[in-house]
Amino acid sequence: MKLFLLYRLREGVTPERYREWSLQRDQPTLKGCEGIREYRVFTVEDPDGASPYTIVEHVDVADWETWKRVTSSGPMVPIGEDFKELVDTSSVITLRGEEIH
């Protein structure tokens, strides 16, 4: 299953701070969790300035139940706490998707 998470950083959090955390803590931890096949994080910008989102995550995970379990237990618990400090959690949107081919 493909997940796409869209969100913006909390006011005062620099893109550099988020990038360092993502590369050193978030990505290695989530990629090591059972059921996570792929995890990629992108900075994004709307050339017209209309989109509020600054980060998009792409996750390939076994299923929704695995995602919920992985993100709420074990090594991801402290990552989730970090996430709340860095990200405007009111902006988070999670989309499930299927590739068209």
N, C-alpha and C. Protein backbone atom coordinates (compact mmCIF):
# COMPACT_ATOMS: atom_id res chain seq x y z
N MET A 1 0.84 -1.16 0.00
CA MET A 1 0.00 0.00 0.00
C MET A 1 0.89 1.24 0.00
N LYS A 2 0.51 2.22 -0.78
CA LYS A 2 1.24 3.48 -0.86
C LYS A 2 0.54 4.52 0.00
N LEU A 3 1.33 5.22 0.81
CA LEU A 3 0.83 6.34 1.59
C LEU A 3 1.59 7.59 1.18
N PHE A 4 0.87 8.70 1.18
CA PHE A 4 1.46 10.00 0.92
C PHE A 4 1.04 10.91 2.06
N LEU A 5 2.01 11.45 2.77
CA LEU A 5 1.75 12.37 3.86
C LEU A 5 2.22 13.75 3.44
N LEU A 6 1.34 14.73 3.59
CA LEU A 6 1.65 16.11 3.23
C LEU A 6 1.54 16.95 4.50
N TYR A 7 2.51 17.85 4.71
CA TYR A 7 2.45 18.72 5.88
C TYR A 7 3.42 19.87 5.74
N ARG A 8 3.31 20.80 6.69
CA ARG A 8 4.23 21.94 6.74
C ARG A 8 4.95 21.92 8.08
N LEU A 9 6.10 22.56 8.10
CA LEU A 9 6.88 22.65 9.32
C LEU A 9 6.25 23.65 10.28
N ARG A 10 6.48 23.42 11.56
CA ARG A 10 6.02 24.34 12.60
C ARG A 10 6.76 25.67 12.41
N GLU A 11 6.09 26.75 12.73
CA GLU A 11 6.70 28.07 12.64
C GLU A 11 7.98 28.09 13.49
N GLY A 12 9.05 28.60 12.90
CA GLY A 12 10.32 28.68 13.59
C GLY A 12 11.25 27.50 13.34
N VAL A 13 10.74 26.43 12.75
CA VAL A 13 11.57 25.26 12.43
C VAL A 13 12.15 25.47 11.04
N THR A 14 13.46 25.46 10.95
CA THR A 14 14.11 25.69 9.66
C THR A 14 14.11 24.40 8.84
N PRO A 15 14.12 24.54 7.52
CA PRO A 15 14.24 23.35 6.68
C PRO A 15 15.51 22.56 6.98
N GLU A 16 16.59 23.23 7.35
CA GLU A 16 17.84 22.55 7.66
C GLU A 16 17.70 21.69 8.92
N ARG A 17 17.04 22.22 9.93
CA ARG A 17 16.83 21.45 11.16
C ARG A 17 16.00 20.21 10.88
N TYR A 18 14.92 20.38 10.10
CA TYR A 18 14.07 19.24 9.75
C TYR A 18 14.87 18.22 8.94
N ARG A 19 15.63 18.69 7.97
CA ARG A 19 16.42 17.78 7.11
C ARG A 19 17.38 16.95 7.94
N GLU A 20 18.08 17.58 8.87
CA GLU A 20 19.03 16.86 9.72
C GLU A 20 18.32 15.77 10.52
N TRP A 21 17.20 16.13 11.13
CA TRP A 21 16.43 15.15 11.91
C TRP A 21 15.93 14.02 11.01
N SER A 22 15.41 14.37 9.84
CA SER A 22 14.87 13.37 8.93
C SER A 22 15.95 12.37 8.51
N LEU A 23 17.11 12.88 8.14
CA LEU A 23 18.19 12.01 7.66
C LEU A 23 18.84 11.19 8.78
N GLN A 24 18.97 11.77 9.96
CA GLN A 24 19.69 11.10 11.04
C GLN A 24 18.81 10.23 11.92
N ARG A 25 17.53 10.59 12.07
CA ARG A 25 16.68 9.85 13.02
C ARG A 25 15.46 9.20 12.36
N ASP A 26 14.65 10.01 11.71
CA ASP A 26 13.37 9.53 11.19
C ASP A 26 13.53 8.46 10.10
N GLN A 27 14.24 8.80 9.04
CA GLN A 27 14.35 7.87 7.92
C GLN A 27 15.01 6.54 8.30
N PRO A 28 16.16 6.57 8.98
CA PRO A 28 16.77 5.28 9.33
C PRO A 28 15.88 4.43 10.25
N THR A 29 15.17 5.09 11.16
CA THR A 29 14.33 4.33 12.10
C THR A 29 13.14 3.70 11.39
N LEU A 30 12.41 4.48 10.59
CA LEU A 30 11.24 3.93 9.92
C LEU A 30 11.62 2.89 8.87
N LYS A 31 12.70 3.12 8.16
CA LYS A 31 13.15 2.14 7.15
C LYS A 31 13.52 0.81 7.77
N GLY A 32 13.87 0.81 9.05
CA GLY A 32 14.22 -0.42 9.74
C GLY A 32 13.04 -1.17 10.35
N CYS A 33 11.85 -0.62 10.22
CA CYS A 33 10.66 -1.25 10.82
C CYS A 33 10.07 -2.32 9.89
N GLU A 34 9.63 -3.40 10.49
CA GLU A 34 9.02 -4.49 9.75
C GLU A 34 7.75 -4.00 9.05
N GLY A 35 7.63 -4.36 7.77
CA GLY A 35 6.45 -4.00 7.00
C GLY A 35 6.61 -2.72 6.19
N ILE A 36 7.70 -1.99 6.41
CA ILE A 36 7.97 -0.78 5.63
C ILE A 36 8.90 -1.18 4.48
N ARG A 37 8.38 -1.08 3.26
CA ARG A 37 9.14 -1.49 2.08
C ARG A 37 9.99 -0.35 1.52
N GLU A 38 9.46 0.86 1.62
CA GLU A 38 10.17 2.02 1.10
C GLU A 38 9.67 3.26 1.84
N TYR A 39 10.59 4.19 2.06
CA TYR A 39 10.24 5.45 2.72
C TYR A 39 11.09 6.54 2.12
N ARG A 40 10.43 7.55 1.55
CA ARG A 40 11.13 8.66 0.91
C ARG A 40 10.49 9.96 1.37
N VAL A 41 11.32 10.97 1.57
CA VAL A 41 10.85 12.27 2.06
C VAL A 41 11.32 13.34 1.07
N PHE A 42 10.40 14.25 0.74
CA PHE A 42 10.68 15.30 -0.23
C PHE A 42 10.32 16.67 0.34
N THR A 43 11.18 17.66 0.12
CA THR A 43 10.76 19.03 0.33
C THR A 43 10.05 19.46 -0.95
N VAL A 44 8.98 20.22 -0.79
CA VAL A 44 8.21 20.66 -1.95
C VAL A 44 7.88 22.14 -1.82
N GLU A 45 7.66 22.75 -2.97
CA GLU A 45 7.20 24.13 -2.97
C GLU A 45 6.27 24.33 -4.15
N ASP A 46 5.33 25.19 -3.96
CA ASP A 46 4.39 25.56 -5.01
C ASP A 46 4.94 26.83 -5.66
N PRO A 47 5.31 26.77 -6.94
CA PRO A 47 5.86 27.96 -7.60
C PRO A 47 4.92 29.16 -7.54
N ASP A 48 3.62 28.92 -7.42
CA ASP A 48 2.64 30.00 -7.33
C ASP A 48 2.35 30.41 -5.90
N GLY A 49 2.88 29.66 -4.92
CA GLY A 49 2.70 30.01 -3.52
C GLY A 49 1.34 29.70 -2.94
N ALA A 50 0.55 28.87 -3.61
CA ALA A 50 -0.81 28.59 -3.14
C ALA A 50 -0.89 27.42 -2.17
N SER A 51 0.07 26.50 -2.23
CA SER A 51 0.01 25.30 -1.38
C SER A 51 0.65 25.58 -0.03
N PRO A 52 0.01 25.11 1.04
CA PRO A 52 0.59 25.29 2.37
C PRO A 52 1.64 24.24 2.73
N TYR A 53 1.82 23.22 1.89
CA TYR A 53 2.67 22.08 2.24
C TYR A 53 4.13 22.33 1.87
N THR A 54 5.03 21.87 2.75
CA THR A 54 6.46 22.01 2.50
C THR A 54 7.18 20.66 2.47
N ILE A 55 6.49 19.60 2.95
CA ILE A 55 7.07 18.26 2.99
C ILE A 55 6.04 17.26 2.46
N VAL A 56 6.52 16.30 1.66
CA VAL A 56 5.71 15.17 1.23
C VAL A 56 6.51 13.90 1.53
N GLU A 57 5.85 12.96 2.18
CA GLU A 57 6.46 11.65 2.44
C GLU A 57 5.76 10.62 1.57
N HIS A 58 6.54 9.69 1.04
CA HIS A 58 5.99 8.55 0.32
C HIS A 58 6.40 7.30 1.09
N VAL A 59 5.42 6.51 1.47
CA VAL A 59 5.68 5.29 2.24
C VAL A 59 5.04 4.11 1.51
N ASP A 60 5.81 3.07 1.31
CA ASP A 60 5.27 1.81 0.79
C ASP A 60 5.25 0.86 1.98
N VAL A 61 4.05 0.52 2.43
CA VAL A 61 3.87 -0.26 3.66
C VAL A 61 2.96 -1.45 3.36
N ALA A 62 3.11 -2.50 4.13
CA ALA A 62 2.34 -3.73 3.89
C ALA A 62 0.83 -3.46 3.88
N ASP A 63 0.32 -2.75 4.88
CA ASP A 63 -1.11 -2.44 4.96
C ASP A 63 -1.33 -1.38 6.03
N TRP A 64 -2.56 -0.88 6.12
CA TRP A 64 -2.89 0.21 7.05
C TRP A 64 -2.64 -0.20 8.51
N GLU A 65 -2.97 -1.42 8.85
CA GLU A 65 -2.78 -1.89 10.22
C GLU A 65 -1.29 -1.90 10.60
N THR A 66 -0.45 -2.29 9.65
CA THR A 66 1.00 -2.27 9.89
C THR A 66 1.47 -0.84 10.12
N TRP A 67 1.00 0.08 9.30
CA TRP A 67 1.37 1.49 9.46
C TRP A 67 0.99 2.00 10.85
N LYS A 68 -0.23 1.74 11.27
CA LYS A 68 -0.70 2.19 12.58
C LYS A 68 0.14 1.57 13.70
N ARG A 69 0.45 0.29 13.59
CA ARG A 69 1.24 -0.40 14.61
C ARG A 69 2.65 0.15 14.67
N VAL A 70 3.29 0.28 13.51
CA VAL A 70 4.68 0.74 13.44
C VAL A 70 4.82 2.15 14.00
N THR A 71 3.89 3.03 13.65
CA THR A 71 4.03 4.43 14.04
C THR A 71 3.60 4.70 15.48
N SER A 72 3.04 3.72 16.15
CA SER A 72 2.57 3.95 17.52
C SER A 72 3.29 3.08 18.55
N SER A 73 4.37 2.42 18.15
CA SER A 73 5.03 1.53 19.09
C SER A 73 6.54 1.48 18.84
N GLY A 74 7.24 0.88 19.78
CA GLY A 74 8.67 0.61 19.62
C GLY A 74 9.50 1.85 19.34
N PRO A 75 10.46 1.73 18.41
CA PRO A 75 11.40 2.81 18.17
C PRO A 75 10.77 4.06 17.55
N MET A 76 9.55 3.94 17.02
CA MET A 76 8.91 5.10 16.41
C MET A 76 8.25 6.03 17.42
N VAL A 77 8.08 5.60 18.66
CA VAL A 77 7.44 6.46 19.66
C VAL A 77 8.25 7.75 19.86
N PRO A 78 9.57 7.68 20.13
CA PRO A 78 10.31 8.94 20.27
C PRO A 78 10.39 9.74 18.98
N ILE A 79 10.36 9.07 17.85
CA ILE A 79 10.35 9.77 16.56
C ILE A 79 9.06 10.57 16.43
N GLY A 80 7.96 9.98 16.86
CA GLY A 80 6.67 10.68 16.85
C GLY A 80 6.67 11.92 17.73
N GLU A 81 7.35 11.84 18.87
CA GLU A 81 7.46 13.00 19.75
C GLU A 81 8.27 14.11 19.07
N ASP A 82 9.38 13.73 18.44
CA ASP A 82 10.16 14.71 17.67
C ASP A 82 9.31 15.35 16.59
N PHE A 83 8.54 14.52 15.88
CA PHE A 83 7.69 14.97 14.78
C PHE A 83 6.76 16.07 15.26
N LYS A 84 6.16 15.89 16.43
CA LYS A 84 5.23 16.88 16.98
C LYS A 84 5.92 18.21 17.28
N GLU A 85 7.20 18.17 17.59
CA GLU A 85 7.95 19.40 17.85
C GLU A 85 8.33 20.14 16.57
N LEU A 86 8.50 19.40 15.49
CA LEU A 86 8.99 19.97 14.24
C LEU A 86 7.90 20.35 13.25
N VAL A 87 6.78 19.65 13.31
CA VAL A 87 5.75 19.75 12.28
C VAL A 87 4.47 20.37 12.85
N ASP A 88 3.83 21.19 12.04
CA ASP A 88 2.50 21.71 12.38
C ASP A 88 1.53 20.55 12.19
N THR A 89 1.22 19.86 13.28
CA THR A 89 0.43 18.63 13.17
C THR A 89 -0.99 18.88 12.67
N SER A 90 -1.48 20.11 12.77
CA SER A 90 -2.81 20.40 12.23
C SER A 90 -2.81 20.41 10.71
N SER A 91 -1.61 20.44 10.10
CA SER A 91 -1.52 20.48 8.64
C SER A 91 -1.37 19.10 8.01
N VAL A 92 -1.19 18.05 8.82
CA VAL A 92 -0.89 16.72 8.29
C VAL A 92 -2.10 16.11 7.59
N ILE A 93 -1.87 15.68 6.36
CA ILE A 93 -2.88 14.95 5.58
C ILE A 93 -2.24 13.64 5.16
N THR A 94 -2.94 12.53 5.37
CA THR A 94 -2.46 11.22 4.95
C THR A 94 -3.39 10.70 3.86
N LEU A 95 -2.81 10.34 2.73
CA LEU A 95 -3.56 9.81 1.60
C LEU A 95 -3.07 8.41 1.28
N ARG A 96 -4.00 7.52 1.04
CA ARG A 96 -3.64 6.18 0.52
C ARG A 96 -3.79 6.22 -0.98
N GLY A 97 -2.89 5.55 -1.67
CA GLY A 97 -2.94 5.60 -3.12
C GLY A 97 -2.58 4.28 -3.77
N GLU A 98 -3.01 4.15 -5.00
CA GLU A 98 -2.68 3.00 -5.84
C GLU A 98 -2.12 3.54 -7.15
N GLU A 99 -1.02 2.97 -7.56
CA GLU A 99 -0.40 3.40 -8.81
C GLU A 99 -1.29 3.02 -9.99
N ILE A 100 -1.39 3.92 -10.93
CA ILE A 100 -2.15 3.65 -12.17
C ILE A 100 -1.14 3.13 -13.19
N HIS A 101 -1.35 1.88 -13.59
CA HIS A 101 -0.47 1.31 -14.64
C HIS A 101 -1.21 0.23 -15.37
